Amino acid sequence: MNKFFIGLGVILVATAVVLAVFGQSIVTSDQSNVSVNWHTDLNSALQEAKNTNKSIFIDFYGEGCSYCKQLSENTLSDSSVGKKLNQDYVAVKINTNQNPNLSSQYKIYELPTLVILNSNGQEIKRQEGYVSADQLLNWI
């Protein structure tokens, strides 16, 4: 009976080690982040959009906004979202606390607010509030 428990213990430890080593690499590869090429200056983003004929994706966020933080950490850091933004958009992050004029110009009343502009700077559509990665991918 002791040999049975010793053998079972060895198998459990070996399984745990294999899962710890390979399971971590699987999780890491599934959650690998594609870093979005964020601009912080809308004027330079507009110029790049004109040069590349891409639309502009703006993330209006604020300091102390918990939904903005969740959007950044969960949605905008998703690898599928990052790939799509880098491929099809010039991405811009605008801190509304530091850019009140832009917030007024684009009528930002709720945070976070995502705005898509064409390459000429005209608004195409907007999304207010938190969205998941899947919701964002369907929206853009």
N, C-alpha and C. Protein backbone atom coordinates (compact mmCIF):
# COMPACT_ATOMS: atom_id res chain seq x y z
N MET A 1 0.82 -1.19 0.00
CA MET A 1 0.00 0.00 0.00
C MET A 1 0.87 1.26 0.00
N ASN A 2 1.98 1.24 0.78
CA ASN A 2 2.89 2.40 0.81
C ASN A 2 3.49 2.67 -0.56
N LYS A 3 3.84 1.59 -1.29
CA LYS A 3 4.41 1.75 -2.62
C LYS A 3 3.40 2.42 -3.55
N PHE A 4 2.13 2.09 -3.38
CA PHE A 4 1.07 2.68 -4.20
C PHE A 4 1.00 4.19 -3.99
N PHE A 5 1.02 4.62 -2.71
CA PHE A 5 0.93 6.06 -2.41
C PHE A 5 2.19 6.80 -2.84
N ILE A 6 3.34 6.15 -2.70
CA ILE A 6 4.59 6.77 -3.15
C ILE A 6 4.55 6.95 -4.67
N GLY A 7 4.12 5.92 -5.38
CA GLY A 7 4.01 5.99 -6.84
C GLY A 7 3.01 7.04 -7.28
N LEU A 8 1.87 7.09 -6.58
CA LEU A 8 0.86 8.10 -6.89
C LEU A 8 1.39 9.51 -6.63
N GLY A 9 2.13 9.66 -5.54
CA GLY A 9 2.73 10.96 -5.22
C GLY A 9 3.72 11.40 -6.28
N VAL A 10 4.55 10.47 -6.76
CA VAL A 10 5.53 10.78 -7.80
C VAL A 10 4.81 11.21 -9.07
N ILE A 11 3.76 10.49 -9.43
CA ILE A 11 3.00 10.83 -10.63
C ILE A 11 2.36 12.22 -10.49
N LEU A 12 1.79 12.50 -9.33
CA LEU A 12 1.16 13.81 -9.12
C LEU A 12 2.18 14.94 -9.18
N VAL A 13 3.33 14.73 -8.56
CA VAL A 13 4.39 15.76 -8.59
C VAL A 13 4.87 15.96 -10.03
N ALA A 14 5.09 14.88 -10.75
CA ALA A 14 5.55 14.98 -12.14
C ALA A 14 4.51 15.71 -13.00
N THR A 15 3.24 15.39 -12.80
CA THR A 15 2.18 16.06 -13.54
C THR A 15 2.14 17.55 -13.21
N ALA A 16 2.28 17.87 -11.94
CA ALA A 16 2.28 19.27 -11.53
C ALA A 16 3.44 20.03 -12.16
N VAL A 17 4.61 19.41 -12.21
CA VAL A 17 5.78 20.06 -12.80
C VAL A 17 5.55 20.28 -14.30
N VAL A 18 5.04 19.26 -14.98
CA VAL A 18 4.78 19.39 -16.42
C VAL A 18 3.76 20.49 -16.68
N LEU A 19 2.69 20.52 -15.91
CA LEU A 19 1.67 21.56 -16.09
C LEU A 19 2.22 22.95 -15.77
N ALA A 20 3.04 23.03 -14.74
CA ALA A 20 3.61 24.33 -14.38
C ALA A 20 4.51 24.86 -15.49
N VAL A 21 5.32 23.98 -16.06
CA VAL A 21 6.25 24.41 -17.11
C VAL A 21 5.53 24.67 -18.42
N PHE A 22 4.78 23.69 -18.90
CA PHE A 22 4.13 23.82 -20.20
C PHE A 22 2.86 24.64 -20.13
N GLY A 23 2.15 24.56 -19.05
CA GLY A 23 0.92 25.34 -18.89
C GLY A 23 1.21 26.82 -18.91
N GLN A 24 2.29 27.24 -18.27
CA GLN A 24 2.66 28.66 -18.25
C GLN A 24 3.01 29.14 -19.64
N SER A 25 3.73 28.33 -20.42
CA SER A 25 4.08 28.77 -21.77
C SER A 25 2.85 28.84 -22.66
N ILE A 26 1.87 27.97 -22.44
CA ILE A 26 0.65 28.03 -23.22
C ILE A 26 -0.12 29.31 -22.88
N VAL A 27 -0.25 29.62 -21.60
CA VAL A 27 -0.94 30.83 -21.19
C VAL A 27 -0.21 32.06 -21.72
N THR A 28 1.10 32.04 -21.64
CA THR A 28 1.88 33.18 -22.12
C THR A 28 1.68 33.39 -23.61
N SER A 29 1.69 32.31 -24.39
CA SER A 29 1.56 32.49 -25.83
C SER A 29 0.14 32.93 -26.20
N ASP A 30 -0.88 32.47 -25.46
CA ASP A 30 -2.24 32.88 -25.76
C ASP A 30 -2.48 34.33 -25.41
N GLN A 31 -1.80 34.83 -24.41
CA GLN A 31 -2.00 36.20 -23.97
C GLN A 31 -0.90 37.13 -24.44
N SER A 32 -0.12 36.70 -25.42
CA SER A 32 0.96 37.55 -25.89
C SER A 32 0.37 38.84 -26.44
N ASN A 33 0.87 39.92 -25.98
CA ASN A 33 0.33 41.23 -26.35
C ASN A 33 1.04 41.78 -27.57
N VAL A 34 0.27 42.32 -28.46
CA VAL A 34 0.82 43.07 -29.58
C VAL A 34 0.71 44.52 -29.16
N SER A 35 1.82 45.17 -29.06
CA SER A 35 1.83 46.55 -28.59
C SER A 35 1.30 47.48 -29.68
N VAL A 36 0.30 48.26 -29.32
CA VAL A 36 -0.28 49.23 -30.25
C VAL A 36 0.68 50.42 -30.38
N ASN A 37 0.84 50.91 -31.58
CA ASN A 37 1.69 52.07 -31.83
C ASN A 37 0.88 53.34 -31.54
N TRP A 38 0.86 53.72 -30.27
CA TRP A 38 0.03 54.85 -29.85
C TRP A 38 0.70 56.18 -30.13
N HIS A 39 -0.06 57.12 -30.65
CA HIS A 39 0.34 58.52 -30.74
C HIS A 39 -0.30 59.24 -29.56
N THR A 40 0.29 60.35 -29.16
CA THR A 40 -0.33 61.20 -28.15
C THR A 40 -0.63 62.58 -28.71
N ASP A 41 -0.22 62.82 -29.93
CA ASP A 41 -0.45 64.11 -30.59
C ASP A 41 -1.39 63.88 -31.78
N LEU A 42 -2.58 64.45 -31.70
CA LEU A 42 -3.58 64.23 -32.74
C LEU A 42 -3.13 64.81 -34.08
N ASN A 43 -2.44 65.94 -34.07
CA ASN A 43 -2.01 66.55 -35.33
C ASN A 43 -1.05 65.65 -36.10
N SER A 44 -0.09 65.05 -35.40
CA SER A 44 0.84 64.15 -36.08
C SER A 44 0.12 62.88 -36.55
N ALA A 45 -0.87 62.44 -35.78
CA ALA A 45 -1.66 61.28 -36.18
C ALA A 45 -2.48 61.59 -37.43
N LEU A 46 -3.05 62.79 -37.50
CA LEU A 46 -3.79 63.20 -38.69
C LEU A 46 -2.89 63.21 -39.93
N GLN A 47 -1.68 63.71 -39.75
CA GLN A 47 -0.74 63.74 -40.88
C GLN A 47 -0.39 62.33 -41.33
N GLU A 48 -0.13 61.44 -40.37
CA GLU A 48 0.18 60.05 -40.72
C GLU A 48 -1.01 59.38 -41.39
N ALA A 49 -2.21 59.66 -40.90
CA ALA A 49 -3.42 59.07 -41.50
C ALA A 49 -3.58 59.51 -42.96
N LYS A 50 -3.30 60.77 -43.23
CA LYS A 50 -3.37 61.26 -44.61
C LYS A 50 -2.32 60.57 -45.48
N ASN A 51 -1.11 60.42 -44.94
CA ASN A 51 -0.02 59.81 -45.70
C ASN A 51 -0.26 58.32 -45.97
N THR A 52 -0.92 57.64 -45.03
CA THR A 52 -1.12 56.19 -45.16
C THR A 52 -2.54 55.82 -45.57
N ASN A 53 -3.41 56.82 -45.70
CA ASN A 53 -4.82 56.62 -46.04
C ASN A 53 -5.50 55.66 -45.05
N LYS A 54 -5.20 55.84 -43.77
CA LYS A 54 -5.83 55.05 -42.72
C LYS A 54 -6.78 55.93 -41.93
N SER A 55 -7.72 55.30 -41.26
CA SER A 55 -8.58 56.02 -40.33
C SER A 55 -7.84 56.20 -39.02
N ILE A 56 -8.38 57.06 -38.17
CA ILE A 56 -7.78 57.33 -36.86
C ILE A 56 -8.67 56.73 -35.79
N PHE A 57 -8.06 56.02 -34.87
CA PHE A 57 -8.74 55.45 -33.71
C PHE A 57 -8.28 56.22 -32.49
N ILE A 58 -9.19 56.91 -31.80
CA ILE A 58 -8.82 57.71 -30.62
C ILE A 58 -9.42 57.09 -29.37
N ASP A 59 -8.58 56.91 -28.38
CA ASP A 59 -9.02 56.48 -27.04
C ASP A 59 -8.95 57.71 -26.14
N PHE A 60 -10.11 58.29 -25.84
CA PHE A 60 -10.18 59.39 -24.88
C PHE A 60 -10.33 58.77 -23.49
N TYR A 61 -9.39 59.07 -22.62
CA TYR A 61 -9.40 58.49 -21.28
C TYR A 61 -9.09 59.58 -20.25
N GLY A 62 -9.30 59.25 -18.99
CA GLY A 62 -9.02 60.20 -17.93
C GLY A 62 -8.31 59.53 -16.77
N GLU A 63 -7.54 60.32 -16.06
CA GLU A 63 -6.86 59.82 -14.87
C GLU A 63 -7.90 59.51 -13.80
N GLY A 64 -7.75 58.40 -13.14
CA GLY A 64 -8.69 58.02 -12.10
C GLY A 64 -9.96 57.37 -12.62
N CYS A 65 -10.04 57.13 -13.91
CA CYS A 65 -11.22 56.49 -14.53
C CYS A 65 -11.00 54.97 -14.51
N SER A 66 -11.76 54.27 -13.68
CA SER A 66 -11.55 52.82 -13.54
C SER A 66 -11.90 52.07 -14.82
N TYR A 67 -12.95 52.51 -15.53
CA TYR A 67 -13.30 51.83 -16.78
C TYR A 67 -12.24 52.08 -17.86
N CYS A 68 -11.62 53.25 -17.83
CA CYS A 68 -10.53 53.55 -18.77
C CYS A 68 -9.36 52.60 -18.52
N LYS A 69 -9.05 52.40 -17.26
CA LYS A 69 -7.96 51.49 -16.89
C LYS A 69 -8.28 50.07 -17.32
N GLN A 70 -9.52 49.62 -17.11
CA GLN A 70 -9.92 48.28 -17.53
C GLN A 70 -9.85 48.15 -19.05
N LEU A 71 -10.28 49.17 -19.76
CA LEU A 71 -10.23 49.15 -21.22
C LEU A 71 -8.79 49.00 -21.69
N SER A 72 -7.90 49.76 -21.09
CA SER A 72 -6.50 49.71 -21.47
C SER A 72 -5.87 48.36 -21.14
N GLU A 73 -6.13 47.85 -19.93
CA GLU A 73 -5.50 46.61 -19.47
C GLU A 73 -6.10 45.37 -20.12
N ASN A 74 -7.41 45.36 -20.35
CA ASN A 74 -8.07 44.14 -20.83
C ASN A 74 -8.34 44.15 -22.33
N THR A 75 -8.83 45.25 -22.84
CA THR A 75 -9.28 45.29 -24.23
C THR A 75 -8.17 45.74 -25.18
N LEU A 76 -7.60 46.89 -24.91
CA LEU A 76 -6.61 47.45 -25.84
C LEU A 76 -5.28 46.71 -25.81
N SER A 77 -5.06 45.89 -24.79
CA SER A 77 -3.83 45.10 -24.73
C SER A 77 -4.02 43.71 -25.34
N ASP A 78 -5.23 43.39 -25.77
CA ASP A 78 -5.52 42.11 -26.41
C ASP A 78 -4.76 42.03 -27.74
N SER A 79 -4.14 40.89 -28.01
CA SER A 79 -3.30 40.78 -29.20
C SER A 79 -4.09 40.94 -30.49
N SER A 80 -5.32 40.45 -30.55
CA SER A 80 -6.14 40.61 -31.77
C SER A 80 -6.51 42.07 -31.99
N VAL A 81 -6.81 42.76 -30.92
CA VAL A 81 -7.13 44.19 -31.00
C VAL A 81 -5.89 44.96 -31.45
N GLY A 82 -4.74 44.65 -30.86
CA GLY A 82 -3.50 45.33 -31.23
C GLY A 82 -3.16 45.16 -32.70
N LYS A 83 -3.31 43.94 -33.19
CA LYS A 83 -3.02 43.68 -34.61
C LYS A 83 -3.95 44.49 -35.51
N LYS A 84 -5.24 44.48 -35.17
CA LYS A 84 -6.23 45.20 -35.99
C LYS A 84 -5.97 46.71 -35.97
N LEU A 85 -5.69 47.26 -34.79
CA LEU A 85 -5.43 48.70 -34.70
C LEU A 85 -4.18 49.08 -35.48
N ASN A 86 -3.10 48.32 -35.32
CA ASN A 86 -1.86 48.63 -36.02
C ASN A 86 -2.01 48.49 -37.53
N GLN A 87 -2.82 47.54 -37.96
CA GLN A 87 -2.98 47.28 -39.39
C GLN A 87 -3.85 48.32 -40.08
N ASP A 88 -4.95 48.71 -39.42
CA ASP A 88 -5.96 49.51 -40.12
C ASP A 88 -6.10 50.95 -39.64
N TYR A 89 -5.47 51.31 -38.55
CA TYR A 89 -5.69 52.63 -37.95
C TYR A 89 -4.39 53.29 -37.53
N VAL A 90 -4.47 54.59 -37.40
CA VAL A 90 -3.46 55.36 -36.68
C VAL A 90 -4.08 55.56 -35.29
N ALA A 91 -3.47 54.97 -34.28
CA ALA A 91 -4.05 54.96 -32.94
C ALA A 91 -3.53 56.12 -32.10
N VAL A 92 -4.46 56.77 -31.39
CA VAL A 92 -4.13 57.94 -30.57
C VAL A 92 -4.76 57.77 -29.20
N LYS A 93 -3.98 58.06 -28.16
CA LYS A 93 -4.50 58.12 -26.80
C LYS A 93 -4.51 59.58 -26.37
N ILE A 94 -5.68 60.05 -25.94
CA ILE A 94 -5.83 61.44 -25.51
C ILE A 94 -6.28 61.46 -24.05
N ASN A 95 -5.44 62.02 -23.20
CA ASN A 95 -5.77 62.20 -21.79
C ASN A 95 -6.64 63.46 -21.69
N THR A 96 -7.90 63.27 -21.30
CA THR A 96 -8.84 64.40 -21.27
C THR A 96 -8.48 65.42 -20.20
N ASN A 97 -7.79 64.97 -19.14
CA ASN A 97 -7.37 65.91 -18.10
C ASN A 97 -6.31 66.88 -18.63
N GLN A 98 -5.47 66.39 -19.52
CA GLN A 98 -4.39 67.21 -20.06
C GLN A 98 -4.76 67.90 -21.37
N ASN A 99 -5.88 67.49 -21.97
CA ASN A 99 -6.30 68.05 -23.26
C ASN A 99 -7.77 68.46 -23.23
N PRO A 100 -8.13 69.41 -22.37
CA PRO A 100 -9.55 69.79 -22.27
C PRO A 100 -10.11 70.39 -23.56
N ASN A 101 -9.28 71.05 -24.36
CA ASN A 101 -9.77 71.63 -25.61
C ASN A 101 -10.20 70.55 -26.60
N LEU A 102 -9.41 69.48 -26.70
CA LEU A 102 -9.78 68.38 -27.58
C LEU A 102 -11.04 67.67 -27.06
N SER A 103 -11.12 67.56 -25.75
CA SER A 103 -12.32 66.94 -25.15
C SER A 103 -13.56 67.73 -25.51
N SER A 104 -13.45 69.05 -25.46
CA SER A 104 -14.59 69.90 -25.82
C SER A 104 -14.88 69.82 -27.32
N GLN A 105 -13.83 69.87 -28.12
CA GLN A 105 -13.98 69.84 -29.57
C GLN A 105 -14.72 68.58 -30.02
N TYR A 106 -14.39 67.43 -29.40
CA TYR A 106 -15.01 66.16 -29.79
C TYR A 106 -16.18 65.77 -28.89
N LYS A 107 -16.60 66.72 -28.04
CA LYS A 107 -17.78 66.53 -27.18
C LYS A 107 -17.69 65.22 -26.38
N ILE A 108 -16.62 65.13 -25.62
CA ILE A 108 -16.40 63.95 -24.79
C ILE A 108 -17.03 64.21 -23.43
N TYR A 109 -18.13 63.51 -23.17
CA TYR A 109 -18.87 63.69 -21.92
C TYR A 109 -18.83 62.46 -21.04
N GLU A 110 -18.38 61.35 -21.57
CA GLU A 110 -18.31 60.10 -20.82
C GLU A 110 -16.97 59.43 -21.11
N LEU A 111 -16.41 58.78 -20.10
CA LEU A 111 -15.14 58.09 -20.29
C LEU A 111 -15.29 56.62 -19.95
N PRO A 112 -14.56 55.78 -20.66
CA PRO A 112 -13.78 56.10 -21.86
C PRO A 112 -14.70 56.33 -23.06
N THR A 113 -14.19 57.07 -24.01
CA THR A 113 -14.88 57.26 -25.29
C THR A 113 -13.89 56.94 -26.40
N LEU A 114 -14.32 56.09 -27.32
CA LEU A 114 -13.51 55.73 -28.48
C LEU A 114 -14.13 56.41 -29.69
N VAL A 115 -13.30 57.08 -30.47
CA VAL A 115 -13.78 57.82 -31.65
C VAL A 115 -12.97 57.38 -32.85
N ILE A 116 -13.65 57.15 -33.95
CA ILE A 116 -12.96 56.85 -35.21
C ILE A 116 -13.19 58.01 -36.16
N LEU A 117 -12.08 58.51 -36.70
CA LEU A 117 -12.10 59.60 -37.68
C LEU A 117 -11.61 59.07 -39.01
N ASN A 118 -12.07 59.67 -40.09
CA ASN A 118 -11.48 59.32 -41.38
C ASN A 118 -10.13 60.04 -41.50
N SER A 119 -9.43 59.82 -42.59
CA SER A 119 -8.09 60.40 -42.73
C SER A 119 -8.12 61.92 -42.87
N ASN A 120 -9.30 62.50 -43.08
CA ASN A 120 -9.45 63.96 -43.13
C ASN A 120 -9.83 64.55 -41.78
N GLY A 121 -9.99 63.70 -40.77
CA GLY A 121 -10.30 64.19 -39.44
C GLY A 121 -11.78 64.29 -39.13
N GLN A 122 -12.64 63.78 -40.01
CA GLN A 122 -14.09 63.83 -39.76
C GLN A 122 -14.51 62.58 -38.99
N GLU A 123 -15.36 62.80 -37.99
CA GLU A 123 -15.81 61.68 -37.17
C GLU A 123 -16.68 60.72 -37.97
N ILE A 124 -16.37 59.44 -37.85
CA ILE A 124 -17.16 58.38 -38.50
C ILE A 124 -18.12 57.77 -37.48
N LYS A 125 -17.58 57.43 -36.31
CA LYS A 125 -18.43 56.85 -35.26
C LYS A 125 -17.71 56.92 -33.92
N ARG A 126 -18.49 56.64 -32.86
CA ARG A 126 -17.94 56.66 -31.51
C ARG A 126 -18.58 55.58 -30.66
N GLN A 127 -17.86 55.21 -29.62
CA GLN A 127 -18.32 54.22 -28.64
C GLN A 127 -18.01 54.79 -27.27
N GLU A 128 -19.04 54.90 -26.43
CA GLU A 128 -18.83 55.42 -25.08
C GLU A 128 -18.92 54.28 -24.08
N GLY A 129 -18.04 54.29 -23.10
CA GLY A 129 -18.04 53.28 -22.06
C GLY A 129 -17.12 52.11 -22.39
N TYR A 130 -17.02 51.21 -21.43
CA TYR A 130 -16.15 50.05 -21.56
C TYR A 130 -16.71 49.06 -22.57
N VAL A 131 -15.83 48.46 -23.36
CA VAL A 131 -16.19 47.36 -24.26
C VAL A 131 -15.13 46.28 -24.14
N SER A 132 -15.54 45.04 -24.35
CA SER A 132 -14.60 43.92 -24.33
C SER A 132 -13.84 43.89 -25.65
N ALA A 133 -12.82 43.05 -25.71
CA ALA A 133 -12.03 42.91 -26.93
C ALA A 133 -12.92 42.44 -28.09
N ASP A 134 -13.78 41.46 -27.84
CA ASP A 134 -14.66 40.96 -28.90
C ASP A 134 -15.62 42.04 -29.37
N GLN A 135 -16.18 42.79 -28.43
CA GLN A 135 -17.10 43.87 -28.81
C GLN A 135 -16.37 44.93 -29.63
N LEU A 136 -15.15 45.26 -29.23
CA LEU A 136 -14.39 46.27 -29.97
C LEU A 136 -14.06 45.78 -31.38
N LEU A 137 -13.63 44.53 -31.50
CA LEU A 137 -13.31 44.00 -32.81
C LEU A 137 -14.52 43.99 -33.73
N ASN A 138 -15.69 43.72 -33.19
CA ASN A 138 -16.91 43.77 -34.00
C ASN A 138 -17.28 45.20 -34.38
N TRP A 139 -16.95 46.14 -33.51
CA TRP A 139 -17.29 47.54 -33.75
C TRP A 139 -16.37 48.18 -34.79
N ILE A 140 -15.08 47.84 -34.74
CA ILE A 140 -14.14 48.46 -35.67
C ILE A 140 -14.06 47.63 -36.95
